[in-house]
Amino acid sequence: MNGKSLIAIIDYGAGNLRSVRNALVHLGAEVITLSAPDGLERADKIVLPGVGAFGAGMAALRAAGFEEPLKEAVAAGVPLIGICLGMQYLFESSDEMGLHRGLGLLPGRVTRFPANGPKVPHIGWNQLHIRRDHPLLAGVEDGAYAYFVHSYYVDAGDPADVLATTDYGIEYASVVARGNLFGIQPHPEKSQAVGLRILKNFVEL
């Protein structure tokens, strides 16, 4: 591996992973894509992407056998980053089309933007308001723009987990971290220089 860390992208059939994989390869990472937990123990870092609906995505993740191995990897200290819906999975629950249980790795819930607020889904460029310094956001300026596509947001249970917030009618957590666990609501692979910088920081952690 030439000293490079091996990054596993979790493929549970819920979304196109090519753009995330291409971005990581562009950054010089060695990447494998796993559609089953076999091989996860080889990974130095894990990327959990996600698009679509929370309940269906979590059901697919569980059906592929990933829930407990992911929790075990995080408990063992393996860095994991959830992207978009993948970030939302890290929390306890979501009320998207019913009540669904998440991975419960971070306290908080996922809920829909208020009906009396801006247009839903939230699609397009918006700002990251950095709340505390962290290596994941090294080189990212306060107020930098990233690209978002989502109708539900994370209501974080512990303010200490929030690295950055975004305003869309309400202020919500858009980048989170606790120990070796990370999450980013915008799509870094669509966020140009800012997104690549965040992915690069994760690769180099």
C-alpha atoms as a PDB file:
ATOM      1  CA  MET A   1       0.000   0.000   0.000  1.00  0.00           C
ATOM      2  CA  ASN A   2       3.059   2.280  -0.113  1.00  0.00           C
ATOM      3  CA  GLY A   3       2.298   3.532   3.391  1.00  0.00           C
ATOM      4  CA  LYS A   4      -1.083   4.889   2.364  1.00  0.00           C
ATOM      5  CA  SER A   5      -4.067   4.167   4.566  1.00  0.00           C
ATOM      6  CA  LEU A   6      -6.767   1.950   3.111  1.00  0.00           C
ATOM      7  CA  ILE A   7     -10.175   3.610   2.987  1.00  0.00           C
ATOM      8  CA  ALA A   8     -13.300   1.454   2.731  1.00  0.00           C
ATOM      9  CA  ILE A   9     -16.425   2.934   1.128  1.00  0.00           C
ATOM     10  CA  ILE A  10     -19.564   1.178   2.328  1.00  0.00           C
ATOM     11  CA  ASP A  11     -21.783   0.128  -0.603  1.00  0.00           C
ATOM     12  CA  TYR A  12     -25.202  -1.028   0.615  1.00  0.00           C
ATOM     13  CA  GLY A  13     -27.024  -0.293  -2.634  1.00  0.00           C
ATOM     14  CA  ALA A  14     -28.298   3.159  -1.649  1.00  0.00           C
ATOM     15  CA  GLY A  15     -26.665   5.599  -4.008  1.00  0.00           C
ATOM     16  CA  ASN A  16     -23.973   6.245  -6.563  1.00  0.00           C
ATOM     17  CA  LEU A  17     -20.566   5.966  -4.920  1.00  0.00           C
ATOM     18  CA  ARG A  18     -18.481   6.740  -7.984  1.00  0.00           C
ATOM     19  CA  SER A  19     -18.077  10.464  -7.360  1.00  0.00           C
ATOM     20  CA  VAL A  20     -16.958   9.945  -3.750  1.00  0.00           C
ATOM     21  CA  ARG A  21     -14.558   7.204  -4.807  1.00  0.00           C
ATOM     22  CA  ASN A  22     -13.144   9.353  -7.622  1.00  0.00           C
ATOM     23  CA  ALA A  23     -12.580  12.254  -5.227  1.00  0.00           C
ATOM     24  CA  LEU A  24     -10.717  10.047  -2.757  1.00  0.00           C
ATOM     25  CA  VAL A  25      -8.589   8.467  -5.485  1.00  0.00           C
ATOM     26  CA  HIS A  26      -7.825  11.955  -6.828  1.00  0.00           C
ATOM     27  CA  LEU A  27      -6.518  12.814  -3.356  1.00  0.00           C
ATOM     28  CA  GLY A  28      -4.154   9.833  -3.503  1.00  0.00           C
ATOM     29  CA  ALA A  29      -6.062   7.511  -1.193  1.00  0.00           C
ATOM     30  CA  GLU A  30      -6.126   3.750  -1.612  1.00  0.00           C
ATOM     31  CA  VAL A  31      -9.816   2.846  -1.793  1.00  0.00           C
ATOM     32  CA  ILE A  32     -11.842  -0.348  -1.632  1.00  0.00           C
ATOM     33  CA  THR A  33     -15.634  -0.601  -1.986  1.00  0.00           C
ATOM     34  CA  LEU A  34     -17.348  -3.109   0.288  1.00  0.00           C
ATOM     35  CA  SER A  35     -20.856  -4.458  -0.300  1.00  0.00           C
ATOM     36  CA  ALA A  36     -20.544  -6.822   2.693  1.00  0.00           C
ATOM     37  CA  PRO A  37     -18.724  -6.509   6.036  1.00  0.00           C
ATOM     38  CA  ASP A  38     -16.068  -9.039   4.967  1.00  0.00           C
ATOM     39  CA  GLY A  39     -12.852  -7.070   4.584  1.00  0.00           C
ATOM     40  CA  LEU A  40     -13.927  -4.203   6.815  1.00  0.00           C
ATOM     41  CA  GLU A  41     -11.303  -5.232   9.367  1.00  0.00           C
ATOM     42  CA  ARG A  42      -8.594  -4.319   6.810  1.00  0.00           C
ATOM     43  CA  ALA A  43      -9.749  -0.726   6.565  1.00  0.00           C
ATOM     44  CA  ASP A  44      -7.777   2.070   8.215  1.00  0.00           C
ATOM     45  CA  LYS A  45     -10.657   4.490   7.647  1.00  0.00           C
ATOM     46  CA  ILE A  46     -14.315   4.146   6.619  1.00  0.00           C
ATOM     47  CA  VAL A  47     -16.583   6.326   4.448  1.00  0.00           C
ATOM     48  CA  LEU A  48     -20.349   5.898   4.854  1.00  0.00           C
ATOM     49  CA  PRO A  49     -22.168   7.716   2.034  1.00  0.00           C
ATOM     50  CA  GLY A  50     -25.910   7.960   1.586  1.00  0.00           C
ATOM     51  CA  VAL A  51     -28.657   9.431  -0.564  1.00  0.00           C
ATOM     52  CA  GLY A  52     -32.410   8.881  -0.486  1.00  0.00           C
ATOM     53  CA  ALA A  53     -34.695   8.145   2.470  1.00  0.00           C
ATOM     54  CA  PHE A  54     -33.401   7.418   5.974  1.00  0.00           C
ATOM     55  CA  GLY A  55     -35.591   4.394   6.732  1.00  0.00           C
ATOM     56  CA  ALA A  56     -34.926   2.588   3.464  1.00  0.00           C
ATOM     57  CA  GLY A  57     -31.202   3.331   3.703  1.00  0.00           C
ATOM     58  CA  MET A  58     -30.877   2.045   7.274  1.00  0.00           C
ATOM     59  CA  ALA A  59     -32.875  -1.067   6.320  1.00  0.00           C
ATOM     60  CA  ALA A  60     -30.469  -1.718   3.431  1.00  0.00           C
ATOM     61  CA  LEU A  61     -27.444  -1.116   5.674  1.00  0.00           C
ATOM     62  CA  ARG A  62     -28.760  -3.602   8.214  1.00  0.00           C
ATOM     63  CA  ALA A  63     -29.765  -6.144   5.549  1.00  0.00           C
ATOM     64  CA  ALA A  64     -26.202  -6.055   4.201  1.00  0.00           C
ATOM     65  CA  GLY A  65     -24.929  -6.859   7.705  1.00  0.00           C
ATOM     66  CA  PHE A  66     -23.071  -3.605   8.322  1.00  0.00           C
ATOM     67  CA  GLU A  67     -24.670  -2.247  11.504  1.00  0.00           C
ATOM     68  CA  GLU A  68     -22.728  -4.106  14.190  1.00  0.00           C
ATOM     69  CA  PRO A  69     -19.393  -4.255  12.298  1.00  0.00           C
ATOM     70  CA  LEU A  70     -19.513  -0.469  11.813  1.00  0.00           C
ATOM     71  CA  LYS A  71     -20.222   0.082  15.506  1.00  0.00           C
ATOM     72  CA  GLU A  72     -17.379  -2.289  16.414  1.00  0.00           C
ATOM     73  CA  ALA A  73     -14.969  -0.507  14.077  1.00  0.00           C
ATOM     74  CA  VAL A  74     -15.822   2.888  15.576  1.00  0.00           C
ATOM     75  CA  ALA A  75     -15.456   1.473  19.107  1.00  0.00           C
ATOM     76  CA  ALA A  76     -12.032   0.124  18.097  1.00  0.00           C
ATOM     77  CA  GLY A  77     -10.934   3.628  17.063  1.00  0.00           C
ATOM     78  CA  VAL A  78     -11.221   3.373  13.266  1.00  0.00           C
ATOM     79  CA  PRO A  79     -12.021   6.847  11.817  1.00  0.00           C
ATOM     80  CA  LEU A  80     -15.419   6.902  10.096  1.00  0.00           C
ATOM     81  CA  ILE A  81     -17.045   9.740   8.189  1.00  0.00           C
ATOM     82  CA  GLY A  82     -20.712   9.806   7.216  1.00  0.00           C
ATOM     83  CA  ILE A  83     -21.619  11.901   4.164  1.00  0.00           C
ATOM     84  CA  CYS A  84     -25.061  13.471   3.607  1.00  0.00           C
ATOM     85  CA  LEU A  85     -27.576  10.770   4.616  1.00  0.00           C
ATOM     86  CA  GLY A  86     -24.582   8.822   5.938  1.00  0.00           C
ATOM     87  CA  MET A  87     -24.053  11.572   8.520  1.00  0.00           C
ATOM     88  CA  GLN A  88     -27.706  11.341   9.543  1.00  0.00           C
ATOM     89  CA  TYR A  89     -27.367   7.576  10.122  1.00  0.00           C
ATOM     90  CA  LEU A  90     -24.866   8.312  12.926  1.00  0.00           C
ATOM     91  CA  PHE A  91     -27.624   9.718  15.131  1.00  0.00           C
ATOM     92  CA  GLU A  92     -30.329   8.048  17.185  1.00  0.00           C
ATOM     93  CA  SER A  93     -33.449   8.417  15.067  1.00  0.00           C
ATOM     94  CA  SER A  94     -35.219  10.043  12.126  1.00  0.00           C
ATOM     95  CA  ASP A  95     -38.878  10.942  11.660  1.00  0.00           C
ATOM     96  CA  GLU A  96     -38.653  10.775   7.852  1.00  0.00           C
ATOM     97  CA  MET A  97     -41.766   8.850   6.725  1.00  0.00           C
ATOM     98  CA  GLY A  98     -42.287   7.282  10.151  1.00  0.00           C
ATOM     99  CA  LEU A  99     -39.905   6.839  13.070  1.00  0.00           C
ATOM    100  CA  HIS A 100     -36.674   5.009  12.252  1.00  0.00           C
ATOM    101  CA  ARG A 101     -33.742   4.019  14.423  1.00  0.00           C
ATOM    102  CA  GLY A 102     -30.271   5.135  13.383  1.00  0.00           C
ATOM    103  CA  LEU A 103     -26.879   3.787  14.416  1.00  0.00           C
ATOM    104  CA  GLY A 104     -27.071   5.736  17.674  1.00  0.00           C
ATOM    105  CA  LEU A 105     -23.370   6.594  17.680  1.00  0.00           C
ATOM    106  CA  LEU A 106     -24.142  10.248  18.433  1.00  0.00           C
ATOM    107  CA  PRO A 107     -27.014  11.747  20.440  1.00  0.00           C
ATOM    108  CA  GLY A 108     -29.632  13.600  18.438  1.00  0.00           C
ATOM    109  CA  ARG A 109     -32.385  13.156  15.921  1.00  0.00           C
ATOM    110  CA  VAL A 110     -33.069  13.833  12.254  1.00  0.00           C
ATOM    111  CA  THR A 111     -36.176  15.835  11.448  1.00  0.00           C
ATOM    112  CA  ARG A 112     -37.760  17.749   8.565  1.00  0.00           C
ATOM    113  CA  PHE A 113     -37.191  21.426   7.919  1.00  0.00           C
ATOM    114  CA  PRO A 114     -40.146  23.500   9.221  1.00  0.00           C
ATOM    115  CA  ALA A 115     -43.107  23.731   6.849  1.00  0.00           C
ATOM    116  CA  ASN A 116     -43.213  27.520   7.242  1.00  0.00           C
ATOM    117  CA  GLY A 117     -39.538  27.940   6.317  1.00  0.00           C
ATOM    118  CA  PRO A 118     -37.651  28.080   3.009  1.00  0.00           C
ATOM    119  CA  LYS A 119     -38.365  25.700   0.134  1.00  0.00           C
ATOM    120  CA  VAL A 120     -37.750  22.009   0.806  1.00  0.00           C
ATOM    121  CA  PRO A 121     -35.616  20.219  -0.243  1.00  0.00           C
ATOM    122  CA  HIS A 122     -32.666  22.438   0.529  1.00  0.00           C
ATOM    123  CA  ILE A 123     -30.714  22.270  -2.739  1.00  0.00           C
ATOM    124  CA  GLY A 124     -27.682  24.339  -3.651  1.00  0.00           C
ATOM    125  CA  TRP A 125     -24.794  26.275  -2.174  1.00  0.00           C
ATOM    126  CA  ASN A 126     -24.866  27.401   1.443  1.00  0.00           C
ATOM    127  CA  GLN A 127     -22.365  28.443   4.074  1.00  0.00           C
ATOM    128  CA  LEU A 128     -20.506  26.545   6.773  1.00  0.00           C
ATOM    129  CA  HIS A 129     -20.319  28.592   9.977  1.00  0.00           C
ATOM    130  CA  ILE A 130     -17.418  27.082  11.896  1.00  0.00           C
ATOM    131  CA  ARG A 131     -18.149  26.685  15.611  1.00  0.00           C
ATOM    132  CA  ARG A 132     -14.836  25.217  16.751  1.00  0.00           C
ATOM    133  CA  ASP A 133     -11.421  24.467  15.341  1.00  0.00           C
ATOM    134  CA  HIS A 134     -10.846  20.876  14.297  1.00  0.00           C
ATOM    135  CA  PRO A 135      -8.393  19.069  11.967  1.00  0.00           C
ATOM    136  CA  LEU A 136     -11.329  17.995   9.732  1.00  0.00           C
ATOM    137  CA  LEU A 137     -11.911  21.664   8.857  1.00  0.00           C
ATOM    138  CA  ALA A 138      -8.268  22.734   8.647  1.00  0.00           C
ATOM    139  CA  GLY A 139      -7.902  25.237   5.798  1.00  0.00           C
ATOM    140  CA  VAL A 140     -11.675  25.744   5.462  1.00  0.00           C
ATOM    141  CA  GLU A 141     -12.651  29.364   6.036  1.00  0.00           C
ATOM    142  CA  ASP A 142     -15.567  30.352   8.225  1.00  0.00           C
ATOM    143  CA  GLY A 143     -18.456  31.106   5.862  1.00  0.00           C
ATOM    144  CA  ALA A 144     -17.119  28.851   3.085  1.00  0.00           C
ATOM    145  CA  TYR A 145     -19.771  27.536   0.695  1.00  0.00           C
ATOM    146  CA  ALA A 146     -20.621  23.863   0.215  1.00  0.00           C
ATOM    147  CA  TYR A 147     -23.270  22.063  -1.851  1.00  0.00           C
ATOM    148  CA  PHE A 148     -26.362  20.649  -0.116  1.00  0.00           C
ATOM    149  CA  VAL A 149     -29.250  18.377  -1.175  1.00  0.00           C
ATOM    150  CA  HIS A 150     -31.570  17.354   1.687  1.00  0.00           C
ATOM    151  CA  SER A 151     -35.051  17.745   3.199  1.00  0.00           C
ATOM    152  CA  TYR A 152     -34.178  16.619   6.736  1.00  0.00           C
ATOM    153  CA  TYR A 153     -31.545  17.991   9.085  1.00  0.00           C
ATOM    154  CA  VAL A 154     -29.676  16.864  12.193  1.00  0.00           C
ATOM    155  CA  ASP A 155     -30.843  18.251  15.522  1.00  0.00           C
ATOM    156  CA  ALA A 156     -27.689  17.375  17.460  1.00  0.00           C
ATOM    157  CA  GLY A 157     -28.175  16.326  21.082  1.00  0.00           C
ATOM    158  CA  ASP A 158     -24.770  17.578  22.267  1.00  0.00           C
ATOM    159  CA  PRO A 159     -23.515  21.013  21.100  1.00  0.00           C
ATOM    160  CA  ALA A 160     -19.943  19.820  21.683  1.00  0.00           C
ATOM    161  CA  ASP A 161     -20.297  17.452  18.695  1.00  0.00           C
ATOM    162  CA  VAL A 162     -21.022  20.333  16.277  1.00  0.00           C
ATOM    163  CA  LEU A 163     -18.073  21.600  14.227  1.00  0.00           C
ATOM    164  CA  ALA A 164     -20.086  23.773  11.831  1.00  0.00           C
ATOM    165  CA  THR A 165     -23.649  24.926  11.357  1.00  0.00           C
ATOM    166  CA  THR A 166     -25.635  26.110   8.343  1.00  0.00           C
ATOM    167  CA  ASP A 167     -28.604  28.464   8.210  1.00  0.00           C
ATOM    168  CA  TYR A 168     -31.672  27.470   6.182  1.00  0.00           C
ATOM    169  CA  GLY A 169     -34.613  29.023   7.953  1.00  0.00           C
ATOM    170  CA  ILE A 170     -33.117  27.509  11.107  1.00  0.00           C
ATOM    171  CA  GLU A 171     -29.537  26.927  12.202  1.00  0.00           C
ATOM    172  CA  TYR A 172     -28.624  23.240  12.117  1.00  0.00           C
ATOM    173  CA  ALA A 173     -25.539  21.030  12.463  1.00  0.00           C
ATOM    174  CA  SER A 174     -23.854  20.548   9.079  1.00  0.00           C
ATOM    175  CA  VAL A 175     -20.464  19.136  10.202  1.00  0.00           C
ATOM    176  CA  VAL A 176     -20.042  17.020  13.348  1.00  0.00           C
ATOM    177  CA  ALA A 177     -17.248  15.151  15.096  1.00  0.00           C
ATOM    178  CA  ARG A 178     -16.643  13.174  18.254  1.00  0.00           C
ATOM    179  CA  GLY A 179     -13.370  11.323  18.678  1.00  0.00           C
ATOM    180  CA  ASN A 180     -12.826   9.192  15.565  1.00  0.00           C
ATOM    181  CA  LEU A 181     -16.397   9.751  14.305  1.00  0.00           C
ATOM    182  CA  PHE A 182     -17.201  12.461  11.752  1.00  0.00           C
ATOM    183  CA  GLY A 183     -20.158  13.599   9.673  1.00  0.00           C
ATOM    184  CA  ILE A 184     -20.718  16.137   6.914  1.00  0.00           C
ATOM    185  CA  GLN A 185     -24.196  17.026   5.609  1.00  0.00           C
ATOM    186  CA  PRO A 186     -23.193  18.694   2.309  1.00  0.00           C
ATOM    187  CA  HIS A 187     -21.773  16.636  -0.547  1.00  0.00           C
ATOM    188  CA  PRO A 188     -17.988  17.160  -0.402  1.00  0.00           C
ATOM    189  CA  GLU A 189     -17.547  15.578  -3.849  1.00  0.00           C
ATOM    190  CA  LYS A 190     -19.828  18.317  -5.275  1.00  0.00           C
ATOM    191  CA  SER A 191     -18.427  21.153  -3.159  1.00  0.00           C
ATOM    192  CA  GLN A 192     -15.340  21.851  -5.276  1.00  0.00           C
ATOM    193  CA  ALA A 193     -12.245  23.051  -3.379  1.00  0.00           C
ATOM    194  CA  VAL A 194     -13.963  23.183   0.021  1.00  0.00           C
ATOM    195  CA  GLY A 195     -15.276  19.627  -0.231  1.00  0.00           C
ATOM    196  CA  LEU A 196     -11.973  18.253  -1.489  1.00  0.00           C
ATOM    197  CA  ARG A 197     -10.179  19.969   1.395  1.00  0.00           C
ATOM    198  CA  ILE A 198     -12.475  18.310   3.950  1.00  0.00           C
ATOM    199  CA  LEU A 199     -11.988  14.896   2.317  1.00  0.00           C
ATOM    200  CA  LYS A 200      -8.225  15.504   2.175  1.00  0.00           C
ATOM    201  CA  ASN A 201      -8.211  16.354   5.874  1.00  0.00           C
ATOM    202  CA  PHE A 202     -10.058  13.106   6.608  1.00  0.00           C
ATOM    203  CA  VAL A 203      -7.640  11.075   4.475  1.00  0.00           C
ATOM    204  CA  GLU A 204      -4.684  12.647   6.305  1.00  0.00           C
ATOM    205  CA  LEU A 205      -6.077  12.430   9.852  1.00  0.00           C
END
